[in-house]
N, C-alpha and C. Protein backbone atom coordinates (compact mmCIF):
# COMPACT_ATOMS: atom_id res chain seq x y z
N LEU A 1 0.84 -1.18 0.00
CA LEU A 1 0.00 0.00 0.00
C LEU A 1 0.88 1.24 0.00
N THR A 2 0.66 2.10 -0.91
CA THR A 2 1.48 3.30 -0.98
C THR A 2 0.84 4.42 -0.19
N ASP A 3 1.62 5.47 0.05
CA ASP A 3 1.11 6.60 0.81
C ASP A 3 -0.08 7.27 0.10
N SER A 4 -0.10 7.24 -1.24
CA SER A 4 -1.17 7.88 -1.98
C SER A 4 -2.40 6.99 -2.13
N PHE A 5 -2.33 5.76 -1.67
CA PHE A 5 -3.43 4.81 -1.78
C PHE A 5 -4.55 5.23 -0.85
N ASP A 6 -5.76 5.35 -1.39
CA ASP A 6 -6.91 5.73 -0.57
C ASP A 6 -7.55 4.47 0.00
N HIS A 7 -7.16 4.13 1.23
CA HIS A 7 -7.62 2.89 1.84
C HIS A 7 -9.14 2.85 2.00
N HIS A 8 -9.71 3.95 2.42
CA HIS A 8 -11.14 3.98 2.70
C HIS A 8 -11.95 3.76 1.42
N GLN A 9 -11.64 4.49 0.36
CA GLN A 9 -12.37 4.33 -0.90
C GLN A 9 -12.16 2.94 -1.48
N SER A 10 -10.94 2.44 -1.38
CA SER A 10 -10.66 1.12 -1.93
C SER A 10 -11.44 0.05 -1.18
N LEU A 11 -11.48 0.14 0.14
CA LEU A 11 -12.22 -0.83 0.94
C LEU A 11 -13.71 -0.75 0.62
N GLU A 12 -14.24 0.46 0.48
CA GLU A 12 -15.65 0.60 0.15
C GLU A 12 -15.97 -0.04 -1.20
N ALA A 13 -15.09 0.14 -2.18
CA ALA A 13 -15.28 -0.48 -3.49
C ALA A 13 -15.26 -1.99 -3.38
N TRP A 14 -14.32 -2.50 -2.61
CA TRP A 14 -14.22 -3.96 -2.43
C TRP A 14 -15.46 -4.48 -1.74
N GLU A 15 -15.91 -3.79 -0.69
CA GLU A 15 -17.09 -4.24 0.05
C GLU A 15 -18.33 -4.24 -0.83
N SER A 16 -18.46 -3.24 -1.70
CA SER A 16 -19.64 -3.20 -2.56
C SER A 16 -19.63 -4.36 -3.55
N ARG A 17 -18.46 -4.79 -3.99
CA ARG A 17 -18.37 -5.93 -4.91
C ARG A 17 -18.52 -7.25 -4.17
N ASN A 18 -18.20 -7.27 -2.89
CA ASN A 18 -18.18 -8.52 -2.13
C ASN A 18 -19.05 -8.43 -0.88
N SER A 19 -20.18 -7.77 -0.99
CA SER A 19 -20.99 -7.50 0.20
C SER A 19 -21.54 -8.77 0.85
N SER A 20 -21.66 -9.85 0.11
CA SER A 20 -22.19 -11.07 0.72
C SER A 20 -21.10 -11.90 1.37
N PHE A 21 -19.85 -11.47 1.28
CA PHE A 21 -18.74 -12.25 1.83
C PHE A 21 -17.92 -11.39 2.77
N GLN A 22 -17.95 -11.73 4.04
CA GLN A 22 -17.11 -11.04 5.01
C GLN A 22 -16.58 -12.07 5.99
N GLU A 23 -15.27 -12.06 6.14
CA GLU A 23 -14.63 -13.00 7.05
C GLU A 23 -13.39 -12.31 7.60
N SER A 24 -13.09 -12.56 8.85
CA SER A 24 -11.90 -11.98 9.44
C SER A 24 -10.65 -12.54 8.79
N VAL A 25 -9.68 -11.69 8.60
CA VAL A 25 -8.40 -12.10 8.05
C VAL A 25 -7.33 -11.81 9.09
N THR A 26 -6.49 -12.79 9.33
CA THR A 26 -5.39 -12.61 10.27
C THR A 26 -4.08 -12.60 9.50
N PHE A 27 -3.04 -12.16 10.16
CA PHE A 27 -1.73 -12.17 9.53
C PHE A 27 -1.33 -13.59 9.16
N GLU A 28 -1.69 -14.54 9.98
CA GLU A 28 -1.37 -15.95 9.69
C GLU A 28 -2.01 -16.41 8.38
N ASP A 29 -3.16 -15.83 8.03
CA ASP A 29 -3.84 -16.20 6.78
C ASP A 29 -3.04 -15.78 5.55
N VAL A 30 -2.28 -14.72 5.67
CA VAL A 30 -1.57 -14.18 4.50
C VAL A 30 -0.06 -14.32 4.59
N ALA A 31 0.44 -14.80 5.72
CA ALA A 31 1.88 -14.95 5.89
C ALA A 31 2.40 -16.11 5.04
N VAL A 32 3.60 -15.94 4.56
CA VAL A 32 4.28 -16.98 3.79
C VAL A 32 5.55 -17.33 4.55
N TYR A 33 5.69 -18.59 4.90
CA TYR A 33 6.85 -19.03 5.65
C TYR A 33 7.72 -19.92 4.78
N CYS A 34 8.99 -19.93 5.08
CA CYS A 34 9.90 -20.82 4.37
C CYS A 34 10.82 -21.50 5.39
N THR A 35 11.37 -22.61 4.97
CA THR A 35 12.29 -23.33 5.85
C THR A 35 13.63 -22.61 5.88
N GLU A 36 14.46 -22.98 6.84
CA GLU A 36 15.79 -22.38 6.92
C GLU A 36 16.58 -22.68 5.64
N LYS A 37 16.42 -23.87 5.12
CA LYS A 37 17.11 -24.24 3.87
C LYS A 37 16.64 -23.36 2.71
N GLU A 38 15.33 -23.15 2.62
CA GLU A 38 14.80 -22.28 1.56
C GLU A 38 15.33 -20.85 1.73
N TRP A 39 15.32 -20.36 2.99
CA TRP A 39 15.77 -19.00 3.27
C TRP A 39 17.23 -18.80 2.86
N THR A 40 18.08 -19.76 3.21
CA THR A 40 19.51 -19.61 2.90
C THR A 40 19.78 -19.73 1.41
N SER A 41 18.85 -20.31 0.67
CA SER A 41 19.05 -20.41 -0.78
C SER A 41 18.59 -19.16 -1.53
N LEU A 42 17.91 -18.25 -0.83
CA LEU A 42 17.44 -17.03 -1.49
C LEU A 42 18.59 -16.05 -1.70
N LEU A 43 18.52 -15.33 -2.80
CA LEU A 43 19.47 -14.25 -3.07
C LEU A 43 19.09 -13.06 -2.20
N PRO A 44 20.02 -12.13 -1.95
CA PRO A 44 19.69 -10.94 -1.14
C PRO A 44 18.46 -10.19 -1.67
N ALA A 45 18.34 -10.04 -2.97
CA ALA A 45 17.19 -9.33 -3.54
C ALA A 45 15.89 -10.08 -3.26
N GLN A 46 15.93 -11.41 -3.27
CA GLN A 46 14.74 -12.21 -2.97
C GLN A 46 14.36 -12.08 -1.50
N ARG A 47 15.36 -12.03 -0.63
CA ARG A 47 15.09 -11.84 0.80
C ARG A 47 14.47 -10.47 1.04
N ALA A 48 14.96 -9.47 0.35
CA ALA A 48 14.41 -8.12 0.49
C ALA A 48 12.97 -8.08 -0.01
N LEU A 49 12.70 -8.75 -1.11
CA LEU A 49 11.33 -8.80 -1.63
C LEU A 49 10.41 -9.51 -0.63
N TYR A 50 10.88 -10.61 -0.08
CA TYR A 50 10.11 -11.34 0.93
C TYR A 50 9.77 -10.42 2.10
N ARG A 51 10.79 -9.71 2.60
CA ARG A 51 10.57 -8.79 3.72
C ARG A 51 9.54 -7.73 3.36
N ASP A 52 9.67 -7.15 2.17
CA ASP A 52 8.73 -6.11 1.75
C ASP A 52 7.30 -6.64 1.65
N VAL A 53 7.14 -7.84 1.11
CA VAL A 53 5.81 -8.43 0.98
C VAL A 53 5.22 -8.73 2.36
N MET A 54 6.03 -9.28 3.24
CA MET A 54 5.52 -9.58 4.59
C MET A 54 5.13 -8.30 5.33
N LEU A 55 5.93 -7.24 5.19
CA LEU A 55 5.58 -5.96 5.82
C LEU A 55 4.30 -5.39 5.23
N GLU A 56 4.16 -5.50 3.92
CA GLU A 56 2.95 -5.03 3.24
C GLU A 56 1.72 -5.81 3.74
N ASN A 57 1.86 -7.12 3.85
CA ASN A 57 0.76 -7.92 4.37
C ASN A 57 0.40 -7.51 5.79
N HIS A 58 1.41 -7.26 6.60
CA HIS A 58 1.16 -6.85 7.99
C HIS A 58 0.43 -5.51 8.02
N ARG A 59 0.88 -4.56 7.22
CA ARG A 59 0.20 -3.26 7.17
C ARG A 59 -1.25 -3.41 6.72
N ALA A 60 -1.49 -4.23 5.72
CA ALA A 60 -2.85 -4.41 5.21
C ALA A 60 -3.76 -5.04 6.26
N VAL A 61 -3.28 -6.06 6.94
CA VAL A 61 -4.07 -6.71 7.98
C VAL A 61 -4.31 -5.75 9.15
N ALA A 62 -3.30 -5.00 9.52
CA ALA A 62 -3.46 -4.02 10.60
C ALA A 62 -4.48 -2.95 10.22
N PHE A 63 -4.44 -2.52 8.97
CA PHE A 63 -5.42 -1.53 8.50
C PHE A 63 -6.83 -2.10 8.59
N LEU A 64 -7.02 -3.31 8.08
CA LEU A 64 -8.35 -3.92 8.13
C LEU A 64 -8.82 -4.11 9.57
N ALA A 65 -7.91 -4.48 10.44
CA ALA A 65 -8.27 -4.63 11.86
C ALA A 65 -8.70 -3.30 12.46
N SER A 66 -8.07 -2.22 12.04
CA SER A 66 -8.42 -0.90 12.58
C SER A 66 -9.83 -0.48 12.17
N LEU A 67 -10.32 -1.01 11.06
CA LEU A 67 -11.67 -0.68 10.62
C LEU A 67 -12.73 -1.41 11.42
N THR A 68 -12.37 -2.56 11.94
CA THR A 68 -13.36 -3.37 12.66
C THR A 68 -13.26 -3.23 14.16
N SER A 69 -12.16 -2.69 14.67
CA SER A 69 -12.03 -2.58 16.12
C SER A 69 -12.86 -1.41 16.62
N LYS A 70 -13.44 -1.58 17.75
CA LYS A 70 -14.28 -0.54 18.34
C LYS A 70 -13.56 0.02 19.57
N PRO A 71 -13.27 1.31 19.56
CA PRO A 71 -12.58 1.90 20.70
C PRO A 71 -13.44 1.87 21.96
N ALA A 72 -12.81 1.69 23.08
CA ALA A 72 -13.53 1.69 24.35
C ALA A 72 -14.01 3.10 24.66
N LEU A 73 -15.15 3.18 25.27
CA LEU A 73 -15.69 4.47 25.67
C LEU A 73 -14.91 5.00 26.86
N ILE A 74 -14.65 6.27 26.83
CA ILE A 74 -13.94 6.91 27.94
C ILE A 74 -14.98 7.70 28.73
N SER A 75 -15.08 7.42 30.02
CA SER A 75 -16.09 8.12 30.83
C SER A 75 -15.46 9.29 31.56
């Protein structure tokens, strides 16, 4: 997700296309894991790409969670 990406409008568009389907998504649902052997066989650029994708997935899941979380009332 880039800084210029309009998360709210994009989510609304997605929801309108998929209004009959809503399910919680966790980081574990989108995480990609590899074995130590697979990791050591990756080139530095591949490791960097992996890191970037995992961070992007984390940001996306955190954003979606922020839309569904309800702040506690302060008295």
